[in-house]
C-alpha atoms as a PDB file:
ATOM      1  CA  MET A   1      85.229  73.707  81.554  1.00  0.00           C
ATOM      2  CA  GLU A   2      86.895  76.948  82.649  1.00  0.00           C
ATOM      3  CA  THR A   3      84.547  79.446  84.238  1.00  0.00           C
ATOM      4  CA  CYS A   4      84.534  82.874  82.594  1.00  0.00           C
ATOM      5  CA  VAL A   5      84.319  85.873  84.887  1.00  0.00           C
ATOM      6  CA  ASP A   6      82.804  89.109  83.626  1.00  0.00           C
ATOM      7  CA  THR A   7      85.532  91.776  83.923  1.00  0.00           C
ATOM      8  CA  SER A   8      83.295  94.691  82.961  1.00  0.00           C
ATOM      9  CA  VAL A   9      83.319  97.941  84.914  1.00  0.00           C
ATOM     10  CA  ARG A  10      80.190 100.053  85.123  1.00  0.00           C
ATOM     11  CA  GLU A  11      80.162 103.672  84.026  1.00  0.00           C
ATOM     12  CA  VAL A  12      80.166 106.205  86.844  1.00  0.00           C
ATOM     13  CA  THR A  13      77.181 108.541  86.928  1.00  0.00           C
ATOM     14  CA  ASP A  14      77.058 112.314  86.567  1.00  0.00           C
ATOM     15  CA  ALA A  15      75.921 112.578  90.193  1.00  0.00           C
ATOM     16  CA  GLU A  16      78.919 110.516  91.366  1.00  0.00           C
ATOM     17  CA  ILE A  17      81.279 112.694  89.334  1.00  0.00           C
ATOM     18  CA  ALA A  18      79.789 115.873  90.812  1.00  0.00           C
ATOM     19  CA  PHE A  19      80.172 114.452  94.322  1.00  0.00           C
ATOM     20  CA  TYR A  20      83.817 113.571  93.652  1.00  0.00           C
ATOM     21  CA  ARG A  21      84.695 117.020  92.357  1.00  0.00           C
ATOM     22  CA  GLU A  22      83.068 118.708  95.347  1.00  0.00           C
ATOM     23  CA  HIS A  23      84.294 116.382  98.075  1.00  0.00           C
ATOM     24  CA  GLY A  24      87.554 114.960  96.674  1.00  0.00           C
ATOM     25  CA  TRP A  25      86.343 111.392  97.053  1.00  0.00           C
ATOM     26  CA  ALA A  26      83.297 109.292  96.169  1.00  0.00           C
ATOM     27  CA  ARG A  27      81.799 105.875  96.766  1.00  0.00           C
ATOM     28  CA  PHE A  28      80.650 103.637  93.909  1.00  0.00           C
ATOM     29  CA  GLU A  29      78.336 100.757  94.718  1.00  0.00           C
ATOM     30  CA  ARG A  30      79.011  97.690  92.558  1.00  0.00           C
ATOM     31  CA  LEU A  31      81.629  99.360  90.384  1.00  0.00           C
ATOM     32  CA  ILE A  32      82.480  95.800  89.428  1.00  0.00           C
ATOM     33  CA  ALA A  33      80.427  92.634  89.903  1.00  0.00           C
ATOM     34  CA  PRO A  34      80.758  90.952  93.309  1.00  0.00           C
ATOM     35  CA  GLU A  35      81.721  87.743  91.495  1.00  0.00           C
ATOM     36  CA  LEU A  36      84.647  89.531  89.858  1.00  0.00           C
ATOM     37  CA  ALA A  37      85.829  90.943  93.177  1.00  0.00           C
ATOM     38  CA  MET A  38      85.692  87.523  94.800  1.00  0.00           C
ATOM     39  CA  ALA A  39      87.496  85.925  91.837  1.00  0.00           C
ATOM     40  CA  ALA A  40      90.306  88.467  92.217  1.00  0.00           C
ATOM     41  CA  ARG A  41      90.583  87.667  95.912  1.00  0.00           C
ATOM     42  CA  ALA A  42      90.562  83.929  95.260  1.00  0.00           C
ATOM     43  CA  ALA A  43      93.405  84.301  92.756  1.00  0.00           C
ATOM     44  CA  VAL A  44      95.767  85.699  95.393  1.00  0.00           C
ATOM     45  CA  GLU A  45      94.352  84.698  98.774  1.00  0.00           C
ATOM     46  CA  ALA A  46      96.479  81.653  99.554  1.00  0.00           C
ATOM     47  CA  ARG A  47      99.720  83.319  98.526  1.00  0.00           C
ATOM     48  CA  LEU A  48      99.044  86.477 100.520  1.00  0.00           C
ATOM     49  CA  LEU A  49      97.782  84.830 103.684  1.00  0.00           C
ATOM     50  CA  GLU A  50     100.022  81.767 103.726  1.00  0.00           C
ATOM     51  CA  ARG A  51     103.079  83.045 101.873  1.00  0.00           C
ATOM     52  CA  ALA A  52     106.508  81.625 102.502  1.00  0.00           C
ATOM     53  CA  GLU A  53     108.879  83.926 104.369  1.00  0.00           C
ATOM     54  CA  ASP A  54     111.147  84.130 101.315  1.00  0.00           C
ATOM     55  CA  ASP A  55     108.377  85.249  98.914  1.00  0.00           C
ATOM     56  CA  ALA A  56     109.926  88.491  97.717  1.00  0.00           C
ATOM     57  CA  ARG A  57     106.762  89.608  95.945  1.00  0.00           C
ATOM     58  CA  ILE A  58     104.887  89.941  99.235  1.00  0.00           C
ATOM     59  CA  THR A  59     105.838  92.729 101.620  1.00  0.00           C
ATOM     60  CA  GLU A  60     104.738  93.317 105.172  1.00  0.00           C
ATOM     61  CA  GLY A  61     104.859  96.374 107.381  1.00  0.00           C
ATOM     62  CA  SER A  62     102.744  97.665 110.199  1.00  0.00           C
ATOM     63  CA  LEU A  63     100.023  99.012 107.889  1.00  0.00           C
ATOM     64  CA  TRP A  64      99.235  96.064 105.641  1.00  0.00           C
ATOM     65  CA  ARG A  65     100.499  92.971 103.878  1.00  0.00           C
ATOM     66  CA  GLY A  66     100.981  94.040 100.285  1.00  0.00           C
ATOM     67  CA  TRP A  67     101.523  92.603  96.849  1.00  0.00           C
ATOM     68  CA  TYR A  68     102.598  95.347  94.466  1.00  0.00           C
ATOM     69  CA  PHE A  69     101.882  95.047  90.712  1.00  0.00           C
ATOM     70  CA  PRO A  70     100.247  91.588  90.726  1.00  0.00           C
ATOM     71  CA  GLY A  71      98.545  92.634  87.487  1.00  0.00           C
ATOM     72  CA  ARG A  72     101.294  94.526  85.658  1.00  0.00           C
ATOM     73  CA  ASP A  73     104.301  92.426  86.679  1.00  0.00           C
ATOM     74  CA  ASP A  74     102.812  89.024  87.502  1.00  0.00           C
ATOM     75  CA  GLY A  75      99.899  88.912  85.073  1.00  0.00           C
ATOM     76  CA  ILE A  76      97.469  87.669  87.731  1.00  0.00           C
ATOM     77  CA  GLU A  77      93.927  87.561  86.379  1.00  0.00           C
ATOM     78  CA  PRO A  78      91.424  89.079  86.705  1.00  0.00           C
ATOM     79  CA  ILE A  79      93.532  91.793  88.382  1.00  0.00           C
ATOM     80  CA  ARG A  80      95.519  92.488  85.212  1.00  0.00           C
ATOM     81  CA  SER A  81      92.356  92.960  83.151  1.00  0.00           C
ATOM     82  CA  LEU A  82      90.970  95.321  85.776  1.00  0.00           C
ATOM     83  CA  ALA A  83      94.177  97.356  86.048  1.00  0.00           C
ATOM     84  CA  PHE A  84      94.297  97.994  82.298  1.00  0.00           C
ATOM     85  CA  SER A  85      90.540  98.262  81.816  1.00  0.00           C
ATOM     86  CA  ALA A  86      89.573 100.842  79.205  1.00  0.00           C
ATOM     87  CA  ALA A  87      86.246 101.298  81.012  1.00  0.00           C
ATOM     88  CA  LEU A  88      88.016 102.142  84.255  1.00  0.00           C
ATOM     89  CA  GLY A  89      90.282 104.504  82.336  1.00  0.00           C
ATOM     90  CA  ARG A  90      87.245 106.249  80.844  1.00  0.00           C
ATOM     91  CA  ASN A  91      85.785 106.618  84.325  1.00  0.00           C
ATOM     92  CA  ALA A  92      89.052 108.191  85.477  1.00  0.00           C
ATOM     93  CA  LYS A  93      88.971 110.581  82.510  1.00  0.00           C
ATOM     94  CA  ARG A  94      85.442 111.705  83.355  1.00  0.00           C
ATOM     95  CA  LEU A  95      86.418 112.234  86.988  1.00  0.00           C
ATOM     96  CA  VAL A  96      89.495 114.265  85.991  1.00  0.00           C
ATOM     97  CA  GLY A  97      87.244 116.393  83.795  1.00  0.00           C
ATOM     98  CA  ARG A  98      89.747 117.286  81.080  1.00  0.00           C
ATOM     99  CA  ASP A  99      90.026 116.120  77.474  1.00  0.00           C
ATOM    100  CA  VAL A 100      93.257 114.272  78.129  1.00  0.00           C
ATOM    101  CA  ALA A 101      94.346 110.650  77.834  1.00  0.00           C
ATOM    102  CA  ILE A 102      94.674 108.616  81.034  1.00  0.00           C
ATOM    103  CA  ARG A 103      97.678 106.497  81.993  1.00  0.00           C
ATOM    104  CA  TYR A 104      97.876 103.574  84.408  1.00  0.00           C
ATOM    105  CA  VAL A 105     100.395 103.966  87.238  1.00  0.00           C
ATOM    106  CA  ALA A 106      99.903 101.114  89.731  1.00  0.00           C
ATOM    107  CA  ASP A 107      97.929  98.084  90.890  1.00  0.00           C
ATOM    108  CA  ASN A 108      98.452  96.998  94.492  1.00  0.00           C
ATOM    109  CA  LEU A 109      96.813  94.575  96.884  1.00  0.00           C
ATOM    110  CA  LEU A 110      96.712  96.112 100.359  1.00  0.00           C
ATOM    111  CA  VAL A 111      95.486  93.627 102.956  1.00  0.00           C
ATOM    112  CA  LYS A 112      95.142  94.693 106.578  1.00  0.00           C
ATOM    113  CA  MET A 113      95.636  91.535 108.571  1.00  0.00           C
ATOM    114  CA  PRO A 114      93.420  90.571 111.523  1.00  0.00           C
ATOM    115  CA  SER A 115      93.816  92.234 114.908  1.00  0.00           C
ATOM    116  CA  GLY A 116      96.982  91.201 116.699  1.00  0.00           C
ATOM    117  CA  HIS A 117      99.066  90.757 113.522  1.00  0.00           C
ATOM    118  CA  LEU A 118     101.876  93.148 112.633  1.00  0.00           C
ATOM    119  CA  ALA A 119     100.106  94.322 109.468  1.00  0.00           C
ATOM    120  CA  SER A 120      96.885  95.513 111.098  1.00  0.00           C
ATOM    121  CA  ALA A 121      97.821  99.004 112.299  1.00  0.00           C
ATOM    122  CA  PRO A 122      96.130 102.285 111.350  1.00  0.00           C
ATOM    123  CA  THR A 123      97.196 104.025 108.133  1.00  0.00           C
ATOM    124  CA  GLY A 124      98.187 107.597 108.924  1.00  0.00           C
ATOM    125  CA  PHE A 125      96.269 110.373 107.171  1.00  0.00           C
ATOM    126  CA  HIS A 126      98.178 111.646 104.147  1.00  0.00           C
ATOM    127  CA  GLN A 127      97.971 112.998 100.591  1.00  0.00           C
ATOM    128  CA  ASP A 128      99.175 110.720  97.783  1.00  0.00           C
ATOM    129  CA  LEU A 129     100.428 113.519  95.539  1.00  0.00           C
ATOM    130  CA  VAL A 130     103.070 114.644  98.022  1.00  0.00           C
ATOM    131  CA  ASN A 131     104.829 111.286  97.607  1.00  0.00           C
ATOM    132  CA  PHE A 132     104.556 111.050  93.809  1.00  0.00           C
ATOM    133  CA  PRO A 133     106.714 112.894  91.234  1.00  0.00           C
ATOM    134  CA  PHE A 134     103.725 114.461  89.439  1.00  0.00           C
ATOM    135  CA  ASP A 135     103.714 118.179  88.716  1.00  0.00           C
ATOM    136  CA  ARG A 136      99.926 118.663  88.728  1.00  0.00           C
ATOM    137  CA  ALA A 137      96.629 117.435  90.102  1.00  0.00           C
ATOM    138  CA  GLY A 138      94.599 114.756  88.344  1.00  0.00           C
ATOM    139  CA  PHE A 139      96.198 111.611  89.747  1.00  0.00           C
ATOM    140  CA  LEU A 140      93.476 109.528  91.406  1.00  0.00           C
ATOM    141  CA  THR A 141      93.079 106.144  93.043  1.00  0.00           C
ATOM    142  CA  PHE A 142      90.272 103.605  92.950  1.00  0.00           C
ATOM    143  CA  TRP A 143      90.086 101.328  96.013  1.00  0.00           C
ATOM    144  CA  ILE A 144      87.986  98.235  95.300  1.00  0.00           C
ATOM    145  CA  ALA A 145      86.712  95.960  98.062  1.00  0.00           C
ATOM    146  CA  LEU A 146      87.443  92.315  97.215  1.00  0.00           C
ATOM    147  CA  ASP A 147      85.386  91.107 100.182  1.00  0.00           C
ATOM    148  CA  GLU A 148      83.000  92.731 102.624  1.00  0.00           C
ATOM    149  CA  VAL A 149      84.882  95.573 104.346  1.00  0.00           C
ATOM    150  CA  THR A 150      83.391  96.947 107.553  1.00  0.00           C
ATOM    151  CA  PRO A 151      84.438 100.158 109.319  1.00  0.00           C
ATOM    152  CA  ALA A 152      86.059  98.052 112.063  1.00  0.00           C
ATOM    153  CA  GLN A 153      88.276  96.374 109.460  1.00  0.00           C
ATOM    154  CA  GLY A 154      89.920  99.604 108.385  1.00  0.00           C
ATOM    155  CA  ALA A 155      87.850 101.009 105.513  1.00  0.00           C
ATOM    156  CA  LEU A 156      89.275 104.262 104.124  1.00  0.00           C
ATOM    157  CA  ARG A 157      88.108 107.616 105.450  1.00  0.00           C
ATOM    158  CA  PHE A 158      88.616 111.051 103.904  1.00  0.00           C
ATOM    159  CA  TYR A 159      88.842 114.667 105.032  1.00  0.00           C
ATOM    160  CA  ASP A 160      85.954 116.015 103.005  1.00  0.00           C
ATOM    161  CA  GLY A 161      86.971 118.746 100.569  1.00  0.00           C
ATOM    162  CA  SER A 162      90.649 118.668 101.567  1.00  0.00           C
ATOM    163  CA  HIS A 163      91.659 118.395  97.892  1.00  0.00           C
ATOM    164  CA  LYS A 164      90.859 122.104  97.616  1.00  0.00           C
ATOM    165  CA  LEU A 165      93.640 123.024 100.062  1.00  0.00           C
ATOM    166  CA  GLY A 166      96.529 122.084  97.752  1.00  0.00           C
ATOM    167  CA  LYS A 167      99.668 120.324  98.957  1.00  0.00           C
ATOM    168  CA  LEU A 168     100.012 120.131 102.729  1.00  0.00           C
ATOM    169  CA  THR A 169     103.080 119.419 104.837  1.00  0.00           C
ATOM    170  CA  GLN A 170     103.309 115.785 105.815  1.00  0.00           C
ATOM    171  CA  THR A 171     105.588 112.912 106.672  1.00  0.00           C
ATOM    172  CA  SER A 172     105.279 109.307 105.529  1.00  0.00           C
ATOM    173  CA  PRO A 173     101.932 107.601 106.312  1.00  0.00           C
ATOM    174  CA  ARG A 174     104.072 104.885 107.873  1.00  0.00           C
ATOM    175  CA  GLU A 175     105.856 107.059 110.419  1.00  0.00           C
ATOM    176  CA  GLY A 176     105.935 110.531 111.931  1.00  0.00           C
ATOM    177  CA  PRO A 177     103.024 112.905 112.553  1.00  0.00           C
ATOM    178  CA  SER A 178     100.013 112.695 110.238  1.00  0.00           C
ATOM    179  CA  VAL A 179      98.603 115.594 108.217  1.00  0.00           C
ATOM    180  CA  PRO A 180      95.892 116.410 110.829  1.00  0.00           C
ATOM    181  CA  GLU A 181      98.592 116.622 113.504  1.00  0.00           C
ATOM    182  CA  LEU A 182     100.676 118.975 111.369  1.00  0.00           C
ATOM    183  CA  HIS A 183      97.603 120.976 110.294  1.00  0.00           C
ATOM    184  CA  PRO A 184      95.194 121.184 113.248  1.00  0.00           C
ATOM    185  CA  GLU A 185      92.939 123.511 111.265  1.00  0.00           C
ATOM    186  CA  LEU A 186      92.148 120.673 108.848  1.00  0.00           C
ATOM    187  CA  ALA A 187      89.433 119.094 110.998  1.00  0.00           C
ATOM    188  CA  GLU A 188      87.641 122.442 111.333  1.00  0.00           C
ATOM    189  CA  ARG A 189      87.648 123.136 107.605  1.00  0.00           C
ATOM    190  CA  CYS A 190      87.173 119.593 106.286  1.00  0.00           C
ATOM    191  CA  PRO A 191      84.969 117.185 108.269  1.00  0.00           C
ATOM    192  CA  LEU A 192      85.976 113.543 108.318  1.00  0.00           C
ATOM    193  CA  SER A 193      83.847 111.343 106.075  1.00  0.00           C
ATOM    194  CA  PRO A 194      81.521 108.830 107.744  1.00  0.00           C
ATOM    195  CA  PRO A 195      82.670 105.233 108.298  1.00  0.00           C
ATOM    196  CA  LEU A 196      82.078 103.142 105.184  1.00  0.00           C
ATOM    197  CA  HIS A 197      80.731  99.610 104.918  1.00  0.00           C
ATOM    198  CA  LEU A 198      81.632  98.143 101.529  1.00  0.00           C
ATOM    199  CA  GLN A 199      80.432  94.982  99.839  1.00  0.00           C
ATOM    200  CA  PRO A 200      82.526  92.984  97.330  1.00  0.00           C
ATOM    201  CA  GLY A 201      82.761  95.042  94.145  1.00  0.00           C
ATOM    202  CA  ASP A 202      82.023  98.362  95.851  1.00  0.00           C
ATOM    203  CA  ALA A 203      84.749 100.977  95.492  1.00  0.00           C
ATOM    204  CA  THR A 204      85.890 104.393  96.527  1.00  0.00           C
ATOM    205  CA  VAL A 205      87.921 106.883  94.552  1.00  0.00           C
ATOM    206  CA  HIS A 206      89.980 109.771  95.900  1.00  0.00           C
ATOM    207  CA  SER A 207      92.030 112.587  94.482  1.00  0.00           C
ATOM    208  CA  ALA A 208      95.753 112.502  95.192  1.00  0.00           C
ATOM    209  CA  LEU A 209      95.255 115.797  97.053  1.00  0.00           C
ATOM    210  CA  THR A 210      92.552 114.403  99.345  1.00  0.00           C
ATOM    211  CA  VAL A 211      93.782 113.680 102.865  1.00  0.00           C
ATOM    212  CA  HIS A 212      92.869 110.082 103.648  1.00  0.00           C
ATOM    213  CA  GLY A 213      93.767 107.260 106.000  1.00  0.00           C
ATOM    214  CA  ALA A 214      92.311 104.197 107.667  1.00  0.00           C
ATOM    215  CA  PRO A 215      91.844 102.874 111.204  1.00  0.00           C
ATOM    216  CA  GLU A 216      93.352  99.597 112.330  1.00  0.00           C
ATOM    217  CA  ASN A 217      91.746  96.283 111.535  1.00  0.00           C
ATOM    218  CA  ALA A 218      90.130  95.453 114.872  1.00  0.00           C
ATOM    219  CA  THR A 219      88.438  92.260 113.652  1.00  0.00           C
ATOM    220  CA  GLU A 220      89.395  88.633 113.136  1.00  0.00           C
ATOM    221  CA  ARG A 221      89.051  88.871 109.325  1.00  0.00           C
ATOM    222  CA  PRO A 222      91.517  90.338 106.808  1.00  0.00           C
ATOM    223  CA  ARG A 223      90.575  93.554 105.028  1.00  0.00           C
ATOM    224  CA  TRP A 224      90.877  92.991 101.272  1.00  0.00           C
ATOM    225  CA  GLY A 225      91.487  96.021  99.074  1.00  0.00           C
ATOM    226  CA  LEU A 226      92.717  96.415  95.485  1.00  0.00           C
ATOM    227  CA  GLN A 227      94.251  99.812  94.764  1.00  0.00           C
ATOM    228  CA  LEU A 228      94.353 101.001  91.132  1.00  0.00           C
ATOM    229  CA  GLY A 229      95.989 104.332  90.250  1.00  0.00           C
ATOM    230  CA  TYR A 230      95.699 106.512  87.120  1.00  0.00           C
ATOM    231  CA  PHE A 231      96.974 109.935  86.030  1.00  0.00           C
ATOM    232  CA  PRO A 232      96.463 112.371  83.119  1.00  0.00           C
ATOM    233  CA  ASP A 233      98.800 112.127  80.157  1.00  0.00           C
ATOM    234  CA  ASP A 234      99.699 115.831  80.345  1.00  0.00           C
ATOM    235  CA  THR A 235     101.379 115.280  83.734  1.00  0.00           C
ATOM    236  CA  ARG A 236     105.129 116.074  83.823  1.00  0.00           C
ATOM    237  CA  TYR A 237     107.853 114.324  85.797  1.00  0.00           C
ATOM    238  CA  THR A 238     109.237 116.417  88.677  1.00  0.00           C
ATOM    239  CA  GLY A 239     112.467 114.427  88.941  1.00  0.00           C
ATOM    240  CA  ALA A 240     111.694 113.048  92.398  1.00  0.00           C
ATOM    241  CA  GLN A 241     112.448 109.392  93.115  1.00  0.00           C
ATOM    242  CA  PHE A 242     109.932 106.858  94.368  1.00  0.00           C
ATOM    243  CA  PRO A 243     111.449 103.473  95.277  1.00  0.00           C
ATOM    244  CA  GLY A 244     109.872 100.618  93.377  1.00  0.00           C
ATOM    245  CA  LEU A 245     107.908 102.866  91.028  1.00  0.00           C
ATOM    246  CA  PHE A 246     110.006 105.721  89.640  1.00  0.00           C
ATOM    247  CA  GLY A 247     113.650 104.684  89.636  1.00  0.00           C
ATOM    248  CA  PRO A 248     116.765 106.441  88.320  1.00  0.00           C
ATOM    249  CA  ASP A 249     117.197 104.025  85.408  1.00  0.00           C
ATOM    250  CA  MET A 250     113.814 104.460  83.728  1.00  0.00           C
ATOM    251  CA  GLY A 251     114.919 107.167  81.332  1.00  0.00           C
ATOM    252  CA  LEU A 252     112.371 109.704  82.587  1.00  0.00           C
ATOM    253  CA  THR A 253     113.301 113.341  81.973  1.00  0.00           C
ATOM    254  CA  THR A 254     112.489 116.074  84.466  1.00  0.00           C
ATOM    255  CA  GLY A 255     109.829 118.395  83.069  1.00  0.00           C
ATOM    256  CA  GLU A 256     108.747 115.923  80.383  1.00  0.00           C
ATOM    257  CA  PRO A 257     105.706 113.619  80.147  1.00  0.00           C
ATOM    258  CA  PHE A 258     105.775 109.985  81.296  1.00  0.00           C
ATOM    259  CA  ARG A 259     106.602 108.066  78.129  1.00  0.00           C
ATOM    260  CA  HIS A 260     107.400 104.641  79.548  1.00  0.00           C
ATOM    261  CA  PRO A 261     105.879 101.162  79.051  1.00  0.00           C
ATOM    262  CA  ASN A 262     105.216 100.904  82.795  1.00  0.00           C
ATOM    263  CA  PHE A 263     102.605 103.653  82.365  1.00  0.00           C
ATOM    264  CA  PRO A 264     100.468 102.720  79.352  1.00  0.00           C
ATOM    265  CA  ILE A 265      97.502 104.758  78.183  1.00  0.00           C
ATOM    266  CA  VAL A 266      94.257 103.018  79.168  1.00  0.00           C
ATOM    267  CA  ALA A 267      91.848 105.655  77.825  1.00  0.00           C
ATOM    268  CA  ALA A 268      92.589 108.008  74.916  1.00  0.00           C
END
């Protein structure tokens, strides 16, 4: 008999929402059940860790080994159900704090490999919004631990309150100077969040304006993270390109909303 896994997502609390709006990030203990997190990891673990070199769906750079859109494009469960969860969309709407529908934008597996592998390096501190063609704030990202994630494995850290500074000059998180190097005043104005120790099913959320990054994985175990992104329906397309996500052939119009099946509404 097939085992059913509960794909429910708990409702975030008023206190968690207040913390997010003040600090630009928040931690949610057991946002999903640990069993669900471990089921998601089990569904992709062998392919990610033992993939063939010609597996085009798996990418590898210095920051992580990634599988982009395993839910949307590959239909991998329970990741697909999580990515398009109405409960997660409602949480995003409450965090945004406006009476506006919420659209899905991405689901990505970002696995920092063990120390000594190519894909174990630090993730440079950056703002997500600078790299996305969104004309306004509201875009946010949930990062769900699919296994225990210790600080030494590369758990995310955030410059507290940096979302209040607006867009900052930066280069790619993969290369060039990081935001703190380009803005030395950042550390004085926005203290770095404490190291986080997450259990399976725990999550963080951060605003696309919050400066965030992660140290290297200095352990012998992979760091398992599922990244789920959402944005308000009143967001307009700036016309900028984003390889693999916002291409020139999608029919998007500069200055208009995102009316495309890749970005469905998950919470009205």
